């Protein structure tokens, strides 16, 4: 033993998100959410509930890609993407894709007609021919550091333990399963990786988030990362990009492997192609995953979707009045809308309470007079024509 503390064998990692591709920051792009708490492949495969209800699961769709490079670094698969406007969704650019692929959201198939990328990040925005019934709000703050996040991805099972000095320091990425899962983490820092990558949110696998703490693995790329805003709404703050690694037991990098580590101390990590550095410290060295920072790319995102938040298909505010709940929606000229309500935002059922609402190009305010004030109430707006 070298005197450093390591994770005990009794600690378990819950499957994490990962993408499985080498990137410019000497990390591995990730594909599946992995956990310290458990290796159960069925863990967190349903929408979060309780305090984490509506924390992003409802905004994730499946992006079925068909493009594959000869290097096999970019695998064909079904990654995640997040609708961010009536006809646009965002995902990781490195998972590629083409206009003959499909995006499936809430069981409905959408057909991409155009792709938009930028040299400043790994984000890719796709425009679809159809219209999404709702979409994720974007996190616009610059205070992501130390914020708790909910992370979504699809990828691998938790693999074999990584034993260093007789103790389990982490787990390898296991078999790819493409099962959607969610986990939690905390943003430890914002790091800038320069041209082509830009700002990334760094989240460490350090055991401070409880049984849902996760890391990323092969297949998690493109999944959304959500932060709860000050008004209690979970907003898209990042898109899964990469994870630390690969690792090796030798300075030459022989028999390299991908893993998520509670403590990478005693292992060599590839810091750039062909260059390996020993990780050594008296304190644990947790590995981290990285997500493209939405707030650093807002100007470009808005230029693509030409859609500042709020002009259309948004519930602007809901206020309690003596006669019920007053709902304000943003509208466009020449469009007709309807409002639906439910007491459970994830499972519904959703009921249309007001229909045939003509758009004015501005805010239209209506009242739900049938709402029961003692029950939670959720509203969404849809487009009739």
Protein backbone atom coordinates (compact mmCIF):
# COMPACT_ATOMS: atom_id res chain seq x y z
CA UNK A 1 0.00 0.00 0.00
CA UNK A 2 1.16 3.53 -0.73
CA UNK A 3 -0.80 5.14 2.09
CA UNK A 4 -3.60 6.58 -0.05
CA UNK A 5 -7.26 5.98 0.67
CA UNK A 6 -9.23 3.89 -1.79
CA UNK A 7 -12.88 2.96 -2.25
CA UNK A 8 -13.73 -0.18 -0.32
CA UNK A 9 -14.84 -3.37 -2.01
CA UNK A 10 -18.28 -2.94 -0.49
CA UNK A 11 -18.92 0.19 -2.54
CA UNK A 12 -20.74 -0.30 -5.84
CA UNK A 13 -20.95 1.89 -8.92
CA UNK A 14 -24.34 2.40 -10.54
CA UNK A 15 -24.15 2.11 -14.31
CA UNK A 16 -22.95 5.37 -15.81
CA UNK A 17 -23.37 7.24 -19.09
CA UNK A 18 -20.59 6.98 -21.67
CA UNK A 19 -19.85 7.34 -25.38
CA UNK A 20 -16.83 5.25 -26.22
CA UNK A 21 -14.86 7.58 -28.51
CA UNK A 22 -11.48 9.27 -28.05
CA UNK A 23 -11.69 13.05 -27.97
CA UNK A 24 -9.34 15.99 -27.96
CA UNK A 25 -9.32 16.33 -24.18
CA UNK A 26 -7.78 12.87 -23.76
CA UNK A 27 -11.01 11.37 -22.55
CA UNK A 28 -13.29 8.66 -23.79
CA UNK A 29 -16.65 9.60 -25.23
CA UNK A 30 -19.46 8.00 -23.32
CA UNK A 31 -22.47 5.69 -23.65
CA UNK A 32 -24.27 4.37 -20.50
CA UNK A 33 -25.01 5.60 -17.01
CA UNK A 34 -23.08 3.57 -14.43
CA UNK A 35 -23.53 3.57 -10.66
CA UNK A 36 -21.37 3.08 -7.61
CA UNK A 37 -24.30 1.87 -5.56
CA UNK A 38 -25.32 -1.12 -7.66
CA UNK A 39 -24.62 -3.17 -10.78
CA UNK A 40 -28.33 -3.93 -11.30
CA UNK A 41 -29.01 -3.26 -15.01
CA UNK A 42 -32.62 -2.40 -14.14
CA UNK A 43 -31.69 0.37 -11.71
CA UNK A 44 -33.15 3.83 -12.56
CA UNK A 45 -34.72 2.70 -15.83
CA UNK A 46 -37.97 4.54 -15.10
CA UNK A 47 -38.66 8.24 -14.79
CA UNK A 48 -37.39 9.89 -11.58
CA UNK A 49 -40.10 10.57 -9.00
CA UNK A 50 -40.55 12.64 -5.85
CA UNK A 51 -38.27 15.67 -5.70
CA UNK A 52 -36.75 14.67 -9.05
CA UNK A 53 -40.07 14.39 -10.91
CA UNK A 54 -40.01 16.19 -14.28
CA UNK A 55 -36.23 16.53 -14.08
CA UNK A 56 -35.65 15.79 -17.77
CA UNK A 57 -36.72 12.22 -18.50
CA UNK A 58 -39.82 13.55 -20.29
CA UNK A 59 -37.62 15.53 -22.71
CA UNK A 60 -35.36 12.71 -23.91
CA UNK A 61 -35.87 11.11 -27.31
CA UNK A 62 -34.04 8.36 -29.21
CA UNK A 63 -31.77 9.40 -32.09
CA UNK A 64 -31.22 6.34 -34.30
CA UNK A 65 -27.99 6.93 -36.23
CA UNK A 66 -26.83 5.00 -39.27
CA UNK A 67 -23.47 6.67 -40.01
CA UNK A 68 -20.33 4.74 -39.09
CA UNK A 69 -16.69 5.70 -39.70
CA UNK A 70 -14.14 3.14 -40.84
CA UNK A 71 -12.19 3.70 -37.61
CA UNK A 72 -15.15 2.28 -35.63
CA UNK A 73 -14.69 5.13 -33.14
CA UNK A 74 -18.20 6.37 -33.87
CA UNK A 75 -20.60 3.42 -33.54
CA UNK A 76 -24.01 3.08 -35.05
CA UNK A 77 -26.63 3.13 -32.32
CA UNK A 78 -29.63 4.73 -30.74
CA UNK A 79 -28.41 7.70 -28.73
CA UNK A 80 -30.40 10.33 -26.85
CA UNK A 81 -31.38 13.78 -28.01
CA UNK A 82 -33.42 16.59 -26.45
CA UNK A 83 -36.07 18.74 -28.18
CA UNK A 84 -35.32 22.43 -27.53
CA UNK A 85 -37.81 24.15 -29.85
CA UNK A 86 -40.97 23.20 -31.80
CA UNK A 87 -38.94 21.66 -34.65
CA UNK A 88 -35.41 21.26 -33.27
CA UNK A 89 -33.56 18.80 -31.05
CA UNK A 90 -29.97 18.87 -29.80
CA UNK A 91 -27.52 16.01 -29.32
CA UNK A 92 -23.76 15.36 -29.44
CA UNK A 93 -22.20 16.05 -32.84
CA UNK A 94 -19.75 13.14 -32.56
CA UNK A 95 -22.56 10.56 -32.71
CA UNK A 96 -23.12 11.76 -36.29
CA UNK A 97 -26.39 10.87 -38.04
CA UNK A 98 -28.06 11.70 -41.35
CA UNK A 99 -31.35 13.07 -42.64
CA UNK A 100 -32.51 9.55 -43.51
CA UNK A 101 -32.29 8.59 -39.82
CA UNK A 102 -35.19 9.08 -37.41
CA UNK A 103 -35.77 10.68 -34.02
CA UNK A 104 -38.37 9.02 -31.78
CA UNK A 105 -39.97 11.15 -29.07
CA UNK A 106 -42.76 9.85 -26.84
CA UNK A 107 -43.28 6.96 -29.26
CA UNK A 108 -43.76 9.28 -32.27
CA UNK A 109 -41.32 9.22 -35.19
CA UNK A 110 -39.85 12.53 -36.41
CA UNK A 111 -37.91 12.99 -39.65
CA UNK A 112 -34.81 15.23 -39.72
CA UNK A 113 -34.52 17.64 -42.64
CA UNK A 114 -31.38 19.62 -41.72
CA UNK A 115 -28.35 19.55 -39.39
CA UNK A 116 -26.53 22.48 -37.78
CA UNK A 117 -23.08 22.27 -36.16
CA UNK A 118 -20.55 24.72 -34.80
CA UNK A 119 -16.75 24.75 -34.53
CA UNK A 120 -17.07 26.00 -30.95
CA UNK A 121 -18.59 22.86 -29.39
CA UNK A 122 -19.64 19.22 -29.86
CA UNK A 123 -23.29 20.22 -30.15
CA UNK A 124 -25.39 19.26 -33.15
CA UNK A 125 -28.89 20.66 -33.70
CA UNK A 126 -31.27 18.83 -36.01
CA UNK A 127 -34.40 20.28 -37.53
CA UNK A 128 -37.36 17.93 -38.05
CA UNK A 129 -40.26 18.14 -40.46
CA UNK A 130 -42.89 17.64 -37.78
CA UNK A 131 -43.63 19.64 -34.59
CA UNK A 132 -42.80 18.49 -31.08
CA UNK A 133 -45.68 18.74 -28.57
CA UNK A 134 -43.30 20.23 -25.99
CA UNK A 135 -39.58 20.71 -25.44
CA UNK A 136 -36.96 21.41 -22.79
CA UNK A 137 -36.22 24.91 -21.53
CA UNK A 138 -32.55 25.92 -21.69
CA UNK A 139 -30.43 26.78 -18.66
CA UNK A 140 -29.21 30.35 -19.15
CA UNK A 141 -27.32 30.94 -15.90
CA UNK A 142 -23.53 30.91 -15.53
CA UNK A 143 -23.55 29.43 -12.02
CA UNK A 144 -23.37 25.71 -12.86
CA UNK A 145 -20.39 24.96 -10.58
CA UNK A 146 -21.49 23.11 -7.40
CA UNK A 147 -24.99 22.65 -8.80
CA UNK A 148 -26.58 19.18 -8.54
CA UNK A 149 -27.54 17.66 -11.89
CA UNK A 150 -29.70 14.84 -13.21
CA UNK A 151 -28.06 12.96 -16.10
CA UNK A 152 -29.60 10.74 -18.79
CA UNK A 153 -27.94 8.20 -21.08
CA UNK A 154 -27.89 4.74 -22.63
CA UNK A 155 -24.94 2.43 -22.76
CA UNK A 156 -23.16 -0.28 -20.87
CA UNK A 157 -23.63 -2.45 -17.85
CA UNK A 158 -21.14 -2.13 -15.02
CA UNK A 159 -18.20 -4.39 -15.78
CA UNK A 160 -15.47 -6.08 -13.77
CA UNK A 161 -13.94 -4.37 -10.72
CA UNK A 162 -10.60 -2.62 -11.17
CA UNK A 163 -8.34 -3.86 -8.38
CA UNK A 164 -5.39 -1.68 -7.36
CA UNK A 165 -3.26 -2.62 -4.33
CA UNK A 166 -5.83 -5.23 -3.42
CA UNK A 167 -8.78 -2.81 -3.28
CA UNK A 168 -11.57 -1.95 -5.70
CA UNK A 169 -10.92 1.49 -7.17
CA UNK A 170 -13.67 1.36 -9.77
CA UNK A 171 -15.29 -0.72 -12.50
CA UNK A 172 -14.73 -1.24 -16.19
CA UNK A 173 -17.38 -0.50 -18.78
CA UNK A 174 -19.37 -3.65 -19.41
CA UNK A 175 -21.53 -4.88 -22.27
CA UNK A 176 -23.48 -2.30 -24.26
CA UNK A 177 -27.18 -2.58 -23.46
CA UNK A 178 -28.70 0.65 -24.89
CA UNK A 179 -31.07 0.89 -21.91
CA UNK A 180 -32.03 4.44 -20.94
CA UNK A 181 -31.13 5.24 -17.33
CA UNK A 182 -30.74 8.29 -15.18
CA UNK A 183 -28.36 9.24 -12.40
CA UNK A 184 -27.20 12.18 -10.33
CA UNK A 185 -23.98 14.09 -9.91
CA UNK A 186 -22.64 17.55 -9.08
CA UNK A 187 -20.81 19.99 -11.33
CA UNK A 188 -17.33 20.27 -9.84
CA UNK A 189 -15.97 22.78 -12.36
CA UNK A 190 -16.37 24.38 -15.77
CA UNK A 191 -13.39 23.71 -18.02
CA UNK A 192 -12.59 25.09 -21.48
CA UNK A 193 -10.99 22.72 -23.97
CA UNK A 194 -10.50 25.22 -26.77
CA UNK A 195 -11.40 25.11 -30.43
CA UNK A 196 -13.86 22.46 -31.44
CA UNK A 197 -14.88 21.60 -27.88
CA UNK A 198 -15.34 24.79 -25.87
CA UNK A 199 -16.78 24.88 -22.35
CA UNK A 200 -17.53 21.60 -20.60
CA UNK A 201 -19.26 20.88 -17.29
CA UNK A 202 -17.04 18.51 -15.25
CA UNK A 203 -18.75 16.06 -12.88
CA UNK A 204 -16.61 13.85 -10.61
CA UNK A 205 -17.45 10.33 -9.51
CA UNK A 206 -16.57 11.15 -5.90
CA UNK A 207 -19.35 9.51 -3.90
CA UNK A 208 -21.04 12.70 -2.70
CA UNK A 209 -24.45 12.29 -4.41
CA UNK A 210 -25.87 9.21 -2.72
CA UNK A 211 -27.11 5.97 -4.28
CA UNK A 212 -27.97 7.62 -7.61
CA UNK A 213 -24.46 8.93 -8.25
CA UNK A 214 -23.37 7.98 -11.73
CA UNK A 215 -20.59 8.08 -14.26
CA UNK A 216 -20.74 7.85 -18.04
CA UNK A 217 -19.73 5.08 -20.39
CA UNK A 218 -19.97 4.03 -24.03
CA UNK A 219 -23.43 4.99 -25.36
CA UNK A 220 -24.30 7.95 -23.13
CA UNK A 221 -23.22 10.62 -25.60
CA UNK A 222 -25.96 13.04 -26.53
CA UNK A 223 -27.97 12.55 -23.34
CA UNK A 224 -29.24 15.60 -21.51
CA UNK A 225 -27.93 17.03 -18.23
CA UNK A 226 -30.47 19.07 -16.25
CA UNK A 227 -30.17 21.68 -13.50
CA UNK A 228 -33.11 22.93 -11.44
CA UNK A 229 -33.50 26.66 -11.93
CA UNK A 230 -34.45 29.13 -9.21
CA UNK A 231 -38.12 28.92 -10.24
CA UNK A 232 -38.15 25.16 -9.65
CA UNK A 233 -38.07 24.14 -13.33
CA UNK A 234 -35.49 21.60 -14.53
CA UNK A 235 -33.64 23.06 -17.52
CA UNK A 236 -31.18 21.60 -20.04
CA UNK A 237 -27.69 22.65 -18.92
CA UNK A 238 -25.45 20.19 -20.80
CA UNK A 239 -25.16 17.41 -23.37
CA UNK A 240 -23.03 14.34 -22.57
CA UNK A 241 -19.64 14.44 -24.28
CA UNK A 242 -16.88 12.31 -22.73
CA UNK A 243 -15.35 10.63 -19.69
CA UNK A 244 -11.83 10.33 -18.27
CA UNK A 245 -9.65 7.52 -19.54
CA UNK A 246 -8.59 5.17 -20.89
CA UNK A 247 -6.48 3.70 -18.06
CA UNK A 248 -3.66 1.19 -17.83
CA UNK A 249 -1.55 -0.55 -15.20
CA UNK A 250 1.64 0.22 -17.16
CA UNK A 251 3.47 3.37 -18.27
CA UNK A 252 3.37 2.11 -21.85
CA UNK A 253 -0.43 1.93 -21.85
CA UNK A 254 -0.52 -1.79 -22.54
CA UNK A 255 -3.89 -3.54 -22.16
CA UNK A 256 -5.64 -0.17 -21.79
CA UNK A 257 -9.24 -0.21 -20.55
CA UNK A 258 -12.15 2.18 -20.08
CA UNK A 259 -13.53 2.49 -16.56
CA UNK A 260 -15.20 4.81 -14.12
CA UNK A 261 -13.15 5.16 -10.99
CA UNK A 262 -13.87 6.17 -7.41
CA UNK A 263 -10.10 6.31 -7.10
CA UNK A 264 -7.78 6.14 -10.14
CA UNK A 265 -4.67 6.41 -7.97
CA UNK A 266 -1.97 3.93 -8.95
CA UNK A 267 -3.18 3.75 -12.56
CA UNK A 268 -1.77 5.38 -15.67
CA UNK A 269 -4.15 7.56 -17.69
CA UNK A 270 -3.74 8.60 -21.32
CA UNK A 271 -3.56 12.41 -21.24
CA UNK A 272 -3.04 12.72 -24.99
CA UNK A 273 -2.66 10.19 -27.76
CA UNK A 274 0.20 7.86 -26.77
CA UNK A 275 1.14 9.77 -23.59
CA UNK A 276 0.41 8.13 -20.23
CA UNK A 277 0.72 9.71 -16.78
CA UNK A 278 0.67 8.05 -13.38
CA UNK A 279 -2.17 9.13 -11.10
CA UNK A 280 -0.77 9.42 -7.59
CA UNK A 281 -2.04 11.22 -4.50
CA UNK A 282 -2.60 10.64 -0.80
CA UNK A 283 -6.28 11.40 -1.44
CA UNK A 284 -8.64 9.51 -3.77
CA UNK A 285 -8.55 10.58 -7.41
CA UNK A 286 -12.08 10.16 -8.81
CA UNK A 287 -12.61 10.02 -12.55
CA UNK A 288 -14.99 12.51 -14.15
CA UNK A 289 -17.37 12.85 -17.05
CA UNK A 290 -17.87 15.95 -19.17
CA UNK A 291 -20.88 17.61 -20.77
CA UNK A 292 -21.00 20.37 -23.38
CA UNK A 293 -22.14 23.53 -21.63
CA UNK A 294 -25.42 24.89 -22.99
CA UNK A 295 -25.09 28.37 -21.48
CA UNK A 296 -21.80 28.97 -23.35
CA UNK A 297 -23.53 28.25 -26.66
CA UNK A 298 -26.83 30.09 -26.26
CA UNK A 299 -26.11 32.70 -28.93
CA UNK A 300 -25.41 30.03 -31.55
CA UNK A 301 -28.36 27.87 -30.44
CA UNK A 302 -30.77 30.77 -30.73
CA UNK A 303 -29.36 31.76 -34.10
CA UNK A 304 -30.11 28.25 -35.38
CA UNK A 305 -33.60 27.83 -34.03
CA UNK A 306 -34.36 31.54 -34.53
CA UNK A 307 -36.41 31.21 -31.46
CA UNK A 308 -35.82 33.18 -28.29
CA UNK A 309 -37.44 31.34 -25.41
CA UNK A 310 -41.14 32.12 -25.17
CA UNK A 311 -42.44 33.29 -28.59
CA UNK A 312 -44.51 30.18 -29.22
CA UNK A 313 -45.67 26.91 -27.64
CA UNK A 314 -44.65 27.99 -24.15
CA UNK A 315 -46.65 28.32 -20.94
CA UNK A 316 -45.34 31.65 -19.73
CA UNK A 317 -46.93 31.71 -16.28
CA UNK A 318 -49.64 30.13 -14.13
CA UNK A 319 -51.23 32.12 -11.31
CA UNK A 320 -53.94 31.22 -8.81
CA UNK A 321 -56.94 33.53 -8.83
CA UNK A 322 -60.29 33.52 -7.07
CA UNK A 323 -61.93 31.88 -10.10
CA UNK A 324 -59.25 29.23 -10.81
CA UNK A 325 -55.77 29.10 -12.37
CA UNK A 326 -54.84 31.82 -14.84
CA UNK A 327 -52.61 30.52 -17.64
CA UNK A 328 -50.60 32.78 -19.95
CA UNK A 329 -49.25 31.35 -23.20
CA UNK A 330 -47.08 32.82 -25.95
CA UNK A 331 -48.69 32.68 -29.40
CA UNK A 332 -47.96 33.32 -33.05
CA UNK A 333 -50.14 35.10 -35.58
CA UNK A 334 -52.33 32.81 -37.68
CA UNK A 335 -51.97 29.81 -35.37
CA UNK A 336 -54.61 28.06 -33.26
CA UNK A 337 -53.75 26.49 -29.89
CA UNK A 338 -55.18 24.27 -27.18
CA UNK A 339 -54.30 23.91 -23.47
CA UNK A 340 -54.18 20.58 -21.64
CA UNK A 341 -53.85 19.83 -17.93
CA UNK A 342 -52.92 16.86 -15.75
CA UNK A 343 -52.21 16.14 -12.10
CA UNK A 344 -49.23 13.94 -13.06
CA UNK A 345 -46.85 15.48 -15.61
CA UNK A 346 -45.21 12.17 -16.54
CA UNK A 347 -48.07 9.69 -16.69
CA UNK A 348 -51.04 11.96 -17.30
CA UNK A 349 -53.70 11.51 -18.36
CA UNK A 350 -53.70 14.88 -20.15
CA UNK A 351 -57.10 16.45 -20.78
CA UNK A 352 -57.84 19.34 -23.12
CA UNK A 353 -59.42 22.09 -21.03
CA UNK A 354 -59.45 24.96 -23.57
CA UNK A 355 -59.35 24.59 -27.35
CA UNK A 356 -59.52 26.75 -30.50
CA UNK A 357 -57.39 29.54 -29.03
CA UNK A 358 -56.44 32.00 -31.83
CA UNK A 359 -52.88 33.28 -31.75
CA UNK A 360 -52.26 37.01 -31.63
CA UNK A 361 -48.49 37.18 -31.91
CA UNK A 362 -48.35 38.00 -28.21
CA UNK A 363 -49.37 36.69 -24.79
CA UNK A 364 -52.88 35.20 -24.46
CA UNK A 365 -54.25 34.67 -20.94
CA UNK A 366 -57.04 32.22 -20.09
CA UNK A 367 -58.50 30.72 -16.91
CA UNK A 368 -58.93 27.08 -15.87
CA UNK A 369 -62.04 27.31 -13.72
CA UNK A 370 -62.23 23.57 -13.02
CA UNK A 371 -58.88 23.17 -11.26
CA UNK A 372 -58.95 21.71 -7.74
CA UNK A 373 -56.66 23.91 -5.67
CA UNK A 374 -55.66 21.08 -3.30
CA UNK A 375 -54.11 19.00 -6.11
CA UNK A 376 -50.91 19.65 -8.09
CA UNK A 377 -51.69 20.95 -11.56
CA UNK A 378 -49.57 20.84 -14.71
CA UNK A 379 -50.29 22.57 -18.00
CA UNK A 380 -49.02 22.27 -21.53
CA UNK A 381 -49.91 24.04 -24.76
CA UNK A 382 -50.33 22.42 -28.17
CA UNK A 383 -50.75 23.60 -31.75
CA UNK A 384 -54.00 22.83 -33.54
CA UNK A 385 -53.00 24.50 -36.80
